[in-house]
């Protein structure tokens, strides 16, 4: 997809992460929403059982409702957030972008990369995906690209390593 915002230069070809990554994020966030709703519903459950007073208080219902509502809003935004994640390979650097409301673009020069790491977990494995992490000398660099197909992550790691070695020769 072509660059569509003012944060990136014209002419870059942006690539999105795998559409299956939406499912990974939905599963993770759904589990988180259920756990947090259950934790914040403990007073309500104790109130319904009669352990915490005679009957549930209004704030017990509101507390559970707010946590559940925030979780549902988060779940509804996940597909759009995943579509906002992308990367572009320029001649001398790799561009990464993310964010729906608070967008960010990170540019990592190939010559500054120390090593490229691929990570995967049980849920990512189930969908055939991996996370690519670029490590530089700067600890503040947020160069993580989640949700890549494993084959694409491997190809990108090899290509970035080669380009990094080429660009480091001149330093």
N, C-alpha and C. Protein backbone atom coordinates (compact mmCIF):
# COMPACT_ATOMS: atom_id res chain seq x y z
N UNK A 1 0.84 -1.17 0.00
CA UNK A 1 0.00 0.00 0.00
C UNK A 1 0.88 1.23 0.00
N UNK A 2 0.51 2.27 -0.69
CA UNK A 2 1.33 3.48 -0.74
C UNK A 2 1.26 4.24 0.58
N UNK A 3 2.24 5.09 0.78
CA UNK A 3 2.26 5.91 1.98
C UNK A 3 1.03 6.82 1.98
N UNK A 4 0.34 6.88 3.10
CA UNK A 4 -0.90 7.63 3.15
C UNK A 4 -0.89 8.73 4.18
N UNK A 5 0.23 9.02 4.81
CA UNK A 5 0.23 10.07 5.81
C UNK A 5 1.47 10.93 5.69
N UNK A 6 1.46 12.02 6.45
CA UNK A 6 2.55 12.98 6.38
C UNK A 6 3.78 12.54 7.17
N UNK A 7 3.71 11.42 7.88
CA UNK A 7 4.84 10.96 8.68
C UNK A 7 5.87 10.18 7.87
N UNK A 8 5.57 9.86 6.65
CA UNK A 8 6.52 9.10 5.85
C UNK A 8 6.72 9.78 4.49
N UNK A 9 7.90 9.61 3.91
CA UNK A 9 8.16 10.25 2.62
C UNK A 9 7.40 9.55 1.49
N UNK A 10 7.14 10.27 0.42
CA UNK A 10 6.45 9.64 -0.71
C UNK A 10 7.36 8.62 -1.39
N UNK A 11 6.74 7.64 -1.99
CA UNK A 11 7.49 6.66 -2.75
C UNK A 11 7.80 5.37 -2.01
N UNK A 12 7.53 5.31 -0.73
CA UNK A 12 7.75 4.07 0.01
C UNK A 12 6.60 3.11 -0.24
N UNK A 13 6.92 1.84 -0.38
CA UNK A 13 5.89 0.81 -0.51
C UNK A 13 5.71 0.17 0.85
N UNK A 14 4.56 0.38 1.45
CA UNK A 14 4.29 -0.14 2.79
C UNK A 14 3.69 -1.53 2.69
N UNK A 15 4.11 -2.38 3.61
CA UNK A 15 3.59 -3.74 3.71
C UNK A 15 2.92 -3.89 5.07
N UNK A 16 1.78 -4.53 5.09
CA UNK A 16 1.06 -4.76 6.34
C UNK A 16 1.44 -6.11 6.92
N UNK A 17 1.14 -6.26 8.20
CA UNK A 17 1.36 -7.55 8.84
C UNK A 17 0.25 -8.50 8.40
N UNK A 18 0.38 -9.78 8.74
CA UNK A 18 -0.58 -10.80 8.31
C UNK A 18 -1.97 -10.54 8.91
N UNK A 19 -3.01 -10.75 8.13
CA UNK A 19 -4.37 -10.55 8.65
C UNK A 19 -4.70 -11.49 9.83
N UNK A 20 -4.01 -12.63 9.92
CA UNK A 20 -4.24 -13.55 11.03
C UNK A 20 -3.83 -12.94 12.37
N UNK A 21 -3.02 -11.89 12.33
CA UNK A 21 -2.58 -11.25 13.56
C UNK A 21 -3.75 -10.62 14.31
N UNK A 22 -4.81 -10.28 13.57
CA UNK A 22 -6.03 -9.77 14.22
C UNK A 22 -6.57 -10.83 15.18
N UNK A 23 -6.61 -12.07 14.74
CA UNK A 23 -7.11 -13.16 15.59
C UNK A 23 -6.23 -13.35 16.82
N UNK A 24 -4.92 -13.25 16.64
CA UNK A 24 -4.00 -13.39 17.77
C UNK A 24 -4.28 -12.31 18.80
N UNK A 25 -4.40 -11.08 18.35
CA UNK A 25 -4.66 -9.97 19.27
C UNK A 25 -6.04 -10.08 19.90
N UNK A 26 -7.04 -10.54 19.14
CA UNK A 26 -8.38 -10.71 19.70
C UNK A 26 -8.39 -11.76 20.80
N UNK A 27 -7.71 -12.87 20.57
CA UNK A 27 -7.64 -13.93 21.59
C UNK A 27 -6.97 -13.40 22.85
N UNK A 28 -5.85 -12.75 22.69
CA UNK A 28 -5.11 -12.21 23.83
C UNK A 28 -5.94 -11.19 24.60
N UNK A 29 -6.57 -10.27 23.89
CA UNK A 29 -7.36 -9.23 24.55
C UNK A 29 -8.64 -9.77 25.16
N UNK A 30 -9.24 -10.78 24.53
CA UNK A 30 -10.45 -11.38 25.10
C UNK A 30 -10.13 -12.06 26.42
N UNK A 31 -9.01 -12.78 26.46
CA UNK A 31 -8.59 -13.42 27.71
C UNK A 31 -8.34 -12.36 28.78
N UNK A 32 -7.65 -11.31 28.41
CA UNK A 32 -7.36 -10.23 29.35
C UNK A 32 -8.64 -9.58 29.85
N UNK A 33 -9.60 -9.34 28.96
CA UNK A 33 -10.87 -8.73 29.35
C UNK A 33 -11.64 -9.61 30.32
N UNK A 34 -11.67 -10.90 30.05
CA UNK A 34 -12.37 -11.83 30.95
C UNK A 34 -11.71 -11.86 32.33
N UNK A 35 -10.37 -11.91 32.36
CA UNK A 35 -9.66 -11.96 33.64
C UNK A 35 -9.89 -10.69 34.44
N UNK A 36 -9.71 -9.51 33.81
CA UNK A 36 -9.89 -8.26 34.54
C UNK A 36 -11.34 -8.05 34.96
N UNK A 37 -12.29 -8.44 34.12
CA UNK A 37 -13.70 -8.32 34.50
C UNK A 37 -14.00 -9.23 35.69
N UNK A 38 -13.44 -10.44 35.68
CA UNK A 38 -13.65 -11.36 36.80
C UNK A 38 -13.06 -10.79 38.09
N UNK A 39 -11.87 -10.24 38.00
CA UNK A 39 -11.22 -9.67 39.19
C UNK A 39 -12.04 -8.51 39.75
N UNK A 40 -12.47 -7.59 38.89
CA UNK A 40 -13.23 -6.44 39.35
C UNK A 40 -14.68 -6.78 39.68
N UNK A 41 -15.12 -8.00 39.37
CA UNK A 41 -16.47 -8.44 39.71
C UNK A 41 -16.52 -9.20 41.03
N UNK A 42 -15.40 -9.40 41.67
CA UNK A 42 -15.39 -10.12 42.95
C UNK A 42 -16.31 -9.46 43.97
N UNK A 43 -16.28 -8.12 44.14
CA UNK A 43 -17.24 -7.53 45.09
C UNK A 43 -18.69 -7.80 44.69
N UNK A 44 -18.99 -7.75 43.40
CA UNK A 44 -20.35 -8.01 42.94
C UNK A 44 -20.77 -9.45 43.25
N UNK A 45 -19.88 -10.38 42.96
CA UNK A 45 -20.18 -11.80 43.23
C UNK A 45 -20.38 -12.03 44.72
N UNK A 46 -19.51 -11.44 45.54
CA UNK A 46 -19.66 -11.57 46.99
C UNK A 46 -20.96 -10.92 47.47
N UNK A 47 -21.35 -9.82 46.85
CA UNK A 47 -22.61 -9.16 47.19
C UNK A 47 -23.81 -10.02 46.80
N UNK A 48 -23.74 -10.65 45.63
CA UNK A 48 -24.84 -11.52 45.19
C UNK A 48 -24.97 -12.76 46.08
N UNK A 49 -23.84 -13.24 46.58
CA UNK A 49 -23.86 -14.41 47.47
C UNK A 49 -24.24 -14.04 48.90
N UNK A 50 -24.32 -12.77 49.19
CA UNK A 50 -24.68 -12.34 50.53
C UNK A 50 -23.50 -12.27 51.48
N UNK A 51 -22.31 -12.53 51.01
CA UNK A 51 -21.12 -12.48 51.84
C UNK A 51 -20.72 -11.05 52.15
N UNK A 52 -20.99 -10.14 51.21
CA UNK A 52 -20.62 -8.74 51.36
C UNK A 52 -21.91 -7.92 51.48
N UNK A 53 -22.49 -7.90 52.62
CA UNK A 53 -23.73 -7.18 52.86
C UNK A 53 -24.94 -8.01 52.44
N UNK A 54 -26.12 -7.38 52.52
CA UNK A 54 -27.36 -8.09 52.19
C UNK A 54 -27.57 -8.24 50.70
N UNK A 55 -27.18 -7.24 49.93
CA UNK A 55 -27.36 -7.28 48.48
C UNK A 55 -26.26 -6.45 47.84
N UNK A 56 -26.03 -6.62 46.54
CA UNK A 56 -24.97 -5.86 45.86
C UNK A 56 -25.29 -4.37 45.86
N UNK A 57 -24.26 -3.57 46.04
CA UNK A 57 -24.39 -2.12 45.98
C UNK A 57 -24.28 -1.67 44.53
N UNK A 58 -24.73 -0.46 44.25
CA UNK A 58 -24.71 0.06 42.88
C UNK A 58 -23.30 0.14 42.33
N UNK A 59 -22.32 0.48 43.16
CA UNK A 59 -20.95 0.66 42.68
C UNK A 59 -20.33 -0.66 42.25
N UNK A 60 -20.85 -1.78 42.80
CA UNK A 60 -20.33 -3.10 42.40
C UNK A 60 -20.71 -3.38 40.95
N UNK A 61 -21.93 -3.02 40.57
CA UNK A 61 -22.36 -3.20 39.19
C UNK A 61 -21.60 -2.26 38.25
N UNK A 62 -21.43 -1.02 38.68
CA UNK A 62 -20.76 -0.01 37.85
C UNK A 62 -19.30 -0.40 37.61
N UNK A 63 -18.62 -0.85 38.67
CA UNK A 63 -17.22 -1.24 38.54
C UNK A 63 -17.05 -2.36 37.51
N UNK A 64 -17.88 -3.39 37.62
CA UNK A 64 -17.81 -4.50 36.65
C UNK A 64 -18.16 -4.03 35.24
N UNK A 65 -19.17 -3.17 35.13
CA UNK A 65 -19.60 -2.68 33.83
C UNK A 65 -18.55 -1.83 33.14
N UNK A 66 -17.86 -0.99 33.91
CA UNK A 66 -16.82 -0.14 33.33
C UNK A 66 -15.68 -0.98 32.78
N UNK A 67 -15.23 -1.96 33.57
CA UNK A 67 -14.11 -2.81 33.13
C UNK A 67 -14.51 -3.61 31.89
N UNK A 68 -15.71 -4.16 31.89
CA UNK A 68 -16.19 -4.91 30.73
C UNK A 68 -16.34 -3.98 29.52
N UNK A 69 -16.86 -2.79 29.72
CA UNK A 69 -17.02 -1.84 28.61
C UNK A 69 -15.70 -1.43 28.00
N UNK A 70 -14.71 -1.14 28.85
CA UNK A 70 -13.38 -0.79 28.33
C UNK A 70 -12.77 -1.95 27.55
N UNK A 71 -12.97 -3.17 28.04
CA UNK A 71 -12.46 -4.34 27.33
C UNK A 71 -13.12 -4.51 25.97
N UNK A 72 -14.42 -4.26 25.89
CA UNK A 72 -15.13 -4.39 24.62
C UNK A 72 -14.72 -3.31 23.63
N UNK A 73 -14.47 -2.10 24.13
CA UNK A 73 -13.98 -1.03 23.25
C UNK A 73 -12.61 -1.41 22.69
N UNK A 74 -11.75 -1.92 23.56
CA UNK A 74 -10.42 -2.36 23.12
C UNK A 74 -10.54 -3.45 22.05
N UNK A 75 -11.42 -4.41 22.28
CA UNK A 75 -11.61 -5.50 21.30
C UNK A 75 -12.11 -4.95 19.96
N UNK A 76 -12.98 -3.96 20.00
CA UNK A 76 -13.51 -3.43 18.74
C UNK A 76 -12.47 -2.64 17.95
N UNK A 77 -11.45 -2.10 18.62
CA UNK A 77 -10.42 -1.32 17.93
C UNK A 77 -9.27 -2.16 17.39
N UNK A 78 -9.18 -3.42 17.80
CA UNK A 78 -8.04 -4.26 17.41
C UNK A 78 -7.89 -4.41 15.90
N UNK A 79 -8.94 -4.71 15.14
CA UNK A 79 -8.73 -4.85 13.68
C UNK A 79 -8.11 -3.60 13.04
N UNK A 80 -8.55 -2.44 13.45
CA UNK A 80 -8.00 -1.20 12.88
C UNK A 80 -6.56 -0.96 13.34
N UNK A 81 -6.28 -1.29 14.60
CA UNK A 81 -4.92 -1.13 15.11
C UNK A 81 -3.94 -2.03 14.37
N UNK A 82 -4.36 -3.25 14.07
CA UNK A 82 -3.49 -4.18 13.35
C UNK A 82 -3.26 -3.69 11.93
N UNK A 83 -4.29 -3.16 11.29
CA UNK A 83 -4.11 -2.63 9.92
C UNK A 83 -3.16 -1.44 9.90
N UNK A 84 -2.99 -0.77 11.02
CA UNK A 84 -2.10 0.40 11.07
C UNK A 84 -0.63 0.01 11.21
N UNK A 85 -0.35 -1.25 11.52
CA UNK A 85 1.03 -1.71 11.66
C UNK A 85 1.58 -2.02 10.28
N UNK A 86 2.77 -1.50 9.98
CA UNK A 86 3.36 -1.76 8.68
C UNK A 86 4.85 -1.49 8.65
N UNK A 87 5.45 -1.89 7.54
CA UNK A 87 6.89 -1.64 7.36
C UNK A 87 7.17 -1.37 5.89
N UNK A 88 8.25 -0.64 5.67
CA UNK A 88 8.69 -0.32 4.31
C UNK A 88 10.21 -0.41 4.28
N UNK A 89 10.72 -1.02 3.20
CA UNK A 89 12.16 -1.15 3.03
C UNK A 89 12.65 -0.08 2.07
N UNK A 90 13.43 0.83 2.60
CA UNK A 90 14.05 1.88 1.78
C UNK A 90 15.48 1.45 1.45
N UNK A 91 16.17 2.14 0.56
CA UNK A 91 17.53 1.73 0.20
C UNK A 91 18.52 1.70 1.37
N UNK A 92 18.36 2.61 2.34
CA UNK A 92 19.35 2.67 3.42
C UNK A 92 18.77 2.45 4.81
N UNK A 93 17.44 2.29 4.91
CA UNK A 93 16.84 2.10 6.23
C UNK A 93 15.52 1.34 6.13
N UNK A 94 15.07 0.86 7.28
CA UNK A 94 13.78 0.19 7.39
C UNK A 94 12.84 1.12 8.15
N UNK A 95 11.65 1.32 7.60
CA UNK A 95 10.65 2.17 8.22
C UNK A 95 9.58 1.29 8.86
N UNK A 96 9.22 1.59 10.10
CA UNK A 96 8.17 0.88 10.81
C UNK A 96 7.12 1.89 11.26
N UNK A 97 5.85 1.53 11.13
CA UNK A 97 4.82 2.44 11.63
C UNK A 97 3.78 1.65 12.39
N UNK A 98 3.16 2.34 13.33
CA UNK A 98 2.11 1.75 14.15
C UNK A 98 1.27 2.86 14.74
N UNK A 99 0.15 2.48 15.29
CA UNK A 99 -0.69 3.43 16.01
C UNK A 99 -1.93 3.84 15.26
N UNK A 100 -3.00 3.94 16.00
CA UNK A 100 -4.28 4.34 15.43
C UNK A 100 -4.55 5.81 15.75
N UNK A 101 -4.58 6.14 17.02
CA UNK A 101 -4.80 7.52 17.44
C UNK A 101 -3.47 8.26 17.62
N UNK A 102 -2.52 7.58 18.21
CA UNK A 102 -1.19 8.13 18.42
C UNK A 102 -0.23 7.38 17.50
N UNK A 103 -0.05 7.90 16.31
CA UNK A 103 0.76 7.23 15.31
C UNK A 103 2.24 7.50 15.53
N UNK A 104 3.05 6.51 15.21
CA UNK A 104 4.49 6.71 15.28
C UNK A 104 5.15 6.01 14.10
N UNK A 105 6.23 6.61 13.65
CA UNK A 105 7.04 6.05 12.58
C UNK A 105 8.46 5.97 13.11
N UNK A 106 9.05 4.78 13.01
CA UNK A 106 10.42 4.56 13.45
C UNK A 106 11.26 4.23 12.23
N UNK A 107 12.40 4.88 12.11
CA UNK A 107 13.31 4.63 11.00
C UNK A 107 14.58 4.04 11.58
N UNK A 108 14.94 2.84 11.10
CA UNK A 108 16.14 2.16 11.58
C UNK A 108 17.13 2.04 10.42
N UNK A 109 18.24 2.78 10.46
CA UNK A 109 19.26 2.64 9.40
C UNK A 109 19.85 1.22 9.44
N UNK A 110 20.05 0.65 8.28
CA UNK A 110 20.58 -0.72 8.21
C UNK A 110 21.94 -0.82 8.89
N UNK A 111 22.76 0.19 8.75
CA UNK A 111 24.10 0.16 9.32
C UNK A 111 24.11 0.24 10.84
N UNK A 112 23.01 0.61 11.46
CA UNK A 112 22.94 0.74 12.92
C UNK A 112 22.38 -0.52 13.60
N UNK A 113 21.90 -1.46 12.81
CA UNK A 113 21.34 -2.68 13.39
C UNK A 113 22.47 -3.57 13.90
N UNK A 114 22.32 -4.05 15.13
CA UNK A 114 23.31 -4.96 15.68
C UNK A 114 22.92 -6.41 15.38
N UNK A 115 21.66 -6.73 15.63
CA UNK A 115 21.17 -8.05 15.25
C UNK A 115 19.65 -8.02 15.14
N UNK A 116 19.12 -9.02 14.45
CA UNK A 116 17.70 -9.12 14.20
C UNK A 116 17.21 -10.41 14.84
N UNK A 117 16.17 -10.32 15.62
CA UNK A 117 15.67 -11.43 16.42
C UNK A 117 14.27 -11.80 15.97
N UNK A 118 13.97 -13.10 15.93
CA UNK A 118 12.62 -13.57 15.63
C UNK A 118 12.11 -14.32 16.86
N UNK A 119 10.91 -13.95 17.30
CA UNK A 119 10.30 -14.59 18.46
C UNK A 119 8.91 -15.08 18.10
N UNK A 120 8.50 -16.14 18.75
CA UNK A 120 7.16 -16.66 18.56
C UNK A 120 6.71 -17.31 19.86
N UNK A 121 5.43 -17.39 20.04
CA UNK A 121 4.86 -18.01 21.24
C UNK A 121 3.77 -18.98 20.83
N UNK A 122 3.07 -19.55 21.79
CA UNK A 122 2.07 -20.57 21.47
C UNK A 122 0.95 -20.07 20.55
N UNK A 123 0.44 -18.87 20.82
CA UNK A 123 -0.67 -18.36 20.00
C UNK A 123 -0.16 -17.94 18.63
N UNK A 124 0.99 -17.25 18.58
CA UNK A 124 1.57 -16.89 17.28
C UNK A 124 1.89 -18.14 16.47
N UNK A 125 2.44 -19.16 17.14
CA UNK A 125 2.75 -20.43 16.46
C UNK A 125 1.52 -21.07 15.85
N UNK A 126 0.41 -21.03 16.58
CA UNK A 126 -0.83 -21.64 16.09
C UNK A 126 -1.29 -21.00 14.78
N UNK A 127 -0.96 -19.74 14.58
CA UNK A 127 -1.35 -19.03 13.37
C UNK A 127 -0.21 -18.91 12.36
N UNK A 128 0.94 -19.51 12.66
CA UNK A 128 2.08 -19.48 11.75
C UNK A 128 2.74 -18.11 11.65
N UNK A 129 2.73 -17.36 12.75
CA UNK A 129 3.25 -16.00 12.75
C UNK A 129 4.46 -15.88 13.68
N UNK A 130 5.16 -14.77 13.54
CA UNK A 130 6.33 -14.48 14.38
C UNK A 130 6.44 -12.97 14.56
N UNK A 131 7.28 -12.59 15.55
CA UNK A 131 7.57 -11.19 15.81
C UNK A 131 9.03 -10.93 15.50
N UNK A 132 9.30 -9.92 14.70
CA UNK A 132 10.66 -9.55 14.33
C UNK A 132 11.08 -8.35 15.18
N UNK A 133 12.23 -8.46 15.84
CA UNK A 133 12.75 -7.37 16.67
C UNK A 133 14.11 -6.95 16.15
N UNK A 134 14.27 -5.65 15.92
CA UNK A 134 15.54 -5.10 15.46
C UNK A 134 16.26 -4.50 16.66
N UNK A 135 17.46 -4.94 16.93
CA UNK A 135 18.24 -4.43 18.05
C UNK A 135 19.32 -3.49 17.52
N UNK A 136 19.35 -2.30 18.12
CA UNK A 136 20.36 -1.31 17.77
C UNK A 136 21.12 -0.92 19.03
N UNK A 137 22.09 -0.05 18.89
CA UNK A 137 22.85 0.41 20.05
C UNK A 137 21.99 1.27 20.97
N UNK A 138 20.94 1.84 20.45
CA UNK A 138 20.06 2.68 21.25
C UNK A 138 19.03 1.83 21.98
N UNK A 139 18.97 1.97 23.28
CA UNK A 139 18.00 1.22 24.06
C UNK A 139 16.58 1.75 23.86
N UNK A 140 16.47 2.97 23.40
CA UNK A 140 15.16 3.60 23.24
C UNK A 140 14.47 3.24 21.92
N UNK A 141 15.16 2.58 21.01
CA UNK A 141 14.58 2.25 19.72
C UNK A 141 13.50 1.19 19.89
N UNK A 142 12.29 1.53 19.45
CA UNK A 142 11.17 0.60 19.51
C UNK A 142 10.98 0.01 18.13
N UNK A 143 11.82 -0.94 17.79
CA UNK A 143 11.79 -1.52 16.46
C UNK A 143 11.30 -2.96 16.54
N UNK A 144 10.00 -3.10 16.75
CA UNK A 144 9.37 -4.41 16.85
C UNK A 144 8.30 -4.49 15.78
N UNK A 145 8.30 -5.58 15.05
CA UNK A 145 7.33 -5.79 13.98
C UNK A 145 6.60 -7.10 14.25
N UNK A 146 5.43 -7.04 14.89
CA UNK A 146 4.70 -8.26 15.23
C UNK A 146 3.82 -8.74 14.09
N UNK A 147 3.44 -10.02 14.14
CA UNK A 147 2.43 -10.54 13.23
C UNK A 147 2.88 -10.82 11.81
N UNK A 148 4.15 -11.10 11.62
CA UNK A 148 4.63 -11.47 10.28
C UNK A 148 4.49 -12.98 10.08
N UNK A 149 4.16 -13.42 8.88
CA UNK A 149 4.23 -14.86 8.61
C UNK A 149 5.67 -15.32 8.83
N UNK A 150 5.84 -16.54 9.35
CA UNK A 150 7.19 -17.00 9.69
C UNK A 150 8.14 -16.97 8.51
N UNK A 151 7.67 -17.32 7.33
CA UNK A 151 8.54 -17.30 6.15
C UNK A 151 8.98 -15.87 5.83
N UNK A 152 8.06 -14.92 5.93
CA UNK A 152 8.40 -13.52 5.68
C UNK A 152 9.34 -12.99 6.75
N UNK A 153 9.15 -13.39 7.99
CA UNK A 153 10.04 -12.96 9.08
C UNK A 153 11.45 -13.48 8.84
N UNK A 154 11.56 -14.74 8.41
CA UNK A 154 12.87 -15.31 8.10
C UNK A 154 13.54 -14.61 6.93
N UNK A 155 12.77 -14.34 5.88
CA UNK A 155 13.31 -13.64 4.72
C UNK A 155 13.77 -12.24 5.10
N UNK A 156 12.95 -11.54 5.86
CA UNK A 156 13.28 -10.19 6.27
C UNK A 156 14.51 -10.17 7.18
N UNK A 157 14.61 -11.14 8.07
CA UNK A 157 15.79 -11.21 8.94
C UNK A 157 17.06 -11.38 8.12
N UNK A 158 17.05 -12.29 7.17
CA UNK A 158 18.23 -12.52 6.32
C UNK A 158 18.56 -11.29 5.50
N UNK A 159 17.56 -10.67 4.92
CA UNK A 159 17.79 -9.50 4.08
C UNK A 159 18.30 -8.32 4.92
N UNK A 160 17.73 -8.12 6.09
CA UNK A 160 18.17 -7.02 6.95
C UNK A 160 19.59 -7.25 7.46
N UNK A 161 19.92 -8.51 7.75
CA UNK A 161 21.27 -8.83 8.21
C UNK A 161 22.28 -8.53 7.10
N UNK A 162 21.97 -8.95 5.87
CA UNK A 162 22.86 -8.68 4.74
C UNK A 162 23.02 -7.18 4.51
N UNK A 163 21.92 -6.47 4.51
CA UNK A 163 21.98 -5.02 4.28
C UNK A 163 22.74 -4.32 5.42
N UNK A 164 22.54 -4.80 6.63
CA UNK A 164 23.24 -4.23 7.78
C UNK A 164 24.74 -4.39 7.64
N UNK A 165 25.18 -5.59 7.20
CA UNK A 165 26.62 -5.84 7.01
C UNK A 165 27.18 -4.96 5.90
N UNK A 166 26.42 -4.79 4.81
CA UNK A 166 26.87 -3.95 3.70
C UNK A 166 27.05 -2.50 4.14
N UNK A 167 26.11 -1.99 4.91
CA UNK A 167 26.14 -0.59 5.31
C UNK A 167 27.10 -0.33 6.45
N UNK A 168 27.45 -1.34 7.22
CA UNK A 168 28.42 -1.16 8.31
C UNK A 168 29.85 -1.09 7.78
N UNK A 169 30.09 -1.64 6.58
CA UNK A 169 31.45 -1.65 6.03
C UNK A 169 31.97 -0.22 5.90
N UNK A 170 31.11 0.72 5.53
CA UNK A 170 31.54 2.09 5.33
C UNK A 170 31.74 2.87 6.62
N UNK A 171 31.36 2.32 7.75
CA UNK A 171 31.48 3.08 9.02
C UNK A 171 32.86 2.94 9.62
